[in-house]
């Protein structure tokens, strides 16, 4: 079960995913910077004892992986360049 802060992160991550999905048809293109700023602010509010996998994804800006993790779908994440996910 996610903490309230993790739920806020999940909402922002879903907003980002929706905005990116809509980009090809959006005119004018949405400004994604406020979403990225919100994600950065929420990431910095996470306690040090937060799940290390979640922290890794967020610090590496692997937002899709972070979203899947918070949705309980971390098993769907592919191994990245850093080889963190096994």
Protein backbone atom coordinates (compact mmCIF):
# COMPACT_ATOMS: atom_id res chain seq x y z
CA UNK A 1 0.00 0.00 0.00
CA UNK A 2 1.34 3.39 -0.98
CA UNK A 3 1.86 6.28 1.40
CA UNK A 4 -0.02 9.54 0.75
CA UNK A 5 3.15 11.02 -0.77
CA UNK A 6 3.61 7.99 -3.00
CA UNK A 7 -0.02 8.38 -4.11
CA UNK A 8 0.71 12.01 -5.03
CA UNK A 9 3.71 10.82 -7.02
CA UNK A 10 1.56 8.24 -8.78
CA UNK A 11 -0.98 10.90 -9.76
CA UNK A 12 1.80 13.09 -11.19
CA UNK A 13 3.38 10.13 -12.99
CA UNK A 14 0.04 9.24 -14.56
CA UNK A 15 -0.44 12.88 -15.62
CA UNK A 16 2.95 12.75 -17.31
CA UNK A 17 2.16 9.46 -19.04
CA UNK A 18 -1.17 10.83 -20.28
CA UNK A 19 0.44 14.05 -21.53
CA UNK A 20 3.19 12.17 -23.36
CA UNK A 21 0.65 9.81 -24.93
CA UNK A 22 -1.37 12.81 -26.19
CA UNK A 23 1.68 14.67 -27.58
CA UNK A 24 1.43 13.45 -31.19
CA UNK A 25 -2.09 14.86 -31.60
CA UNK A 26 -1.85 17.87 -29.26
CA UNK A 27 -1.90 21.35 -30.78
CA UNK A 28 -0.43 23.32 -29.15
CA UNK A 29 1.95 20.97 -27.42
CA UNK A 30 1.50 20.84 -23.64
CA UNK A 31 4.14 22.29 -21.36
CA UNK A 32 5.55 19.31 -19.48
CA UNK A 33 7.91 21.36 -17.31
CA UNK A 34 5.36 21.87 -14.50
CA UNK A 35 4.82 18.12 -14.29
CA UNK A 36 8.59 17.50 -14.15
CA UNK A 37 8.95 20.19 -11.48
CA UNK A 38 6.16 18.56 -9.43
CA UNK A 39 7.82 15.16 -9.75
CA UNK A 40 11.17 16.60 -8.63
CA UNK A 41 9.53 18.33 -5.65
CA UNK A 42 7.70 15.17 -4.58
CA UNK A 43 10.84 13.07 -5.04
CA UNK A 44 12.77 15.38 -2.72
CA UNK A 45 10.04 14.98 -0.08
CA UNK A 46 10.42 11.20 0.07
CA UNK A 47 12.03 10.00 3.29
CA UNK A 48 15.43 8.35 3.14
CA UNK A 49 13.85 5.09 4.22
CA UNK A 50 11.60 5.05 1.14
CA UNK A 51 11.89 1.97 -1.03
CA UNK A 52 15.34 2.04 -2.66
CA UNK A 53 13.97 0.78 -5.97
CA UNK A 54 11.48 3.65 -6.15
CA UNK A 55 14.18 6.16 -5.22
CA UNK A 56 16.46 4.71 -7.90
CA UNK A 57 13.79 5.05 -10.60
CA UNK A 58 12.92 8.61 -9.61
CA UNK A 59 16.53 9.79 -9.31
CA UNK A 60 17.31 8.29 -12.73
CA UNK A 61 14.16 9.96 -14.16
CA UNK A 62 12.81 6.53 -15.10
CA UNK A 63 9.28 7.76 -14.67
CA UNK A 64 7.52 4.91 -16.44
CA UNK A 65 9.36 2.40 -14.24
CA UNK A 66 8.45 4.43 -11.15
CA UNK A 67 4.78 4.50 -12.22
CA UNK A 68 4.72 0.74 -12.78
CA UNK A 69 6.43 0.21 -9.42
CA UNK A 70 3.83 2.32 -7.59
CA UNK A 71 1.04 0.51 -9.42
CA UNK A 72 2.40 -2.81 -8.11
CA UNK A 73 3.57 -3.78 -11.59
CA UNK A 74 7.35 -3.68 -11.10
CA UNK A 75 7.64 -7.12 -12.69
CA UNK A 76 6.78 -5.50 -16.04
CA UNK A 77 9.86 -3.27 -15.90
CA UNK A 78 12.61 -4.15 -18.34
CA UNK A 79 16.25 -4.18 -17.37
CA UNK A 80 17.72 -0.73 -17.92
CA UNK A 81 21.17 0.38 -18.91
CA UNK A 82 22.26 0.43 -15.30
CA UNK A 83 21.15 -3.22 -14.94
CA UNK A 84 19.30 -2.31 -11.72
CA UNK A 85 16.22 -4.44 -12.44
CA UNK A 86 16.99 -8.13 -12.64
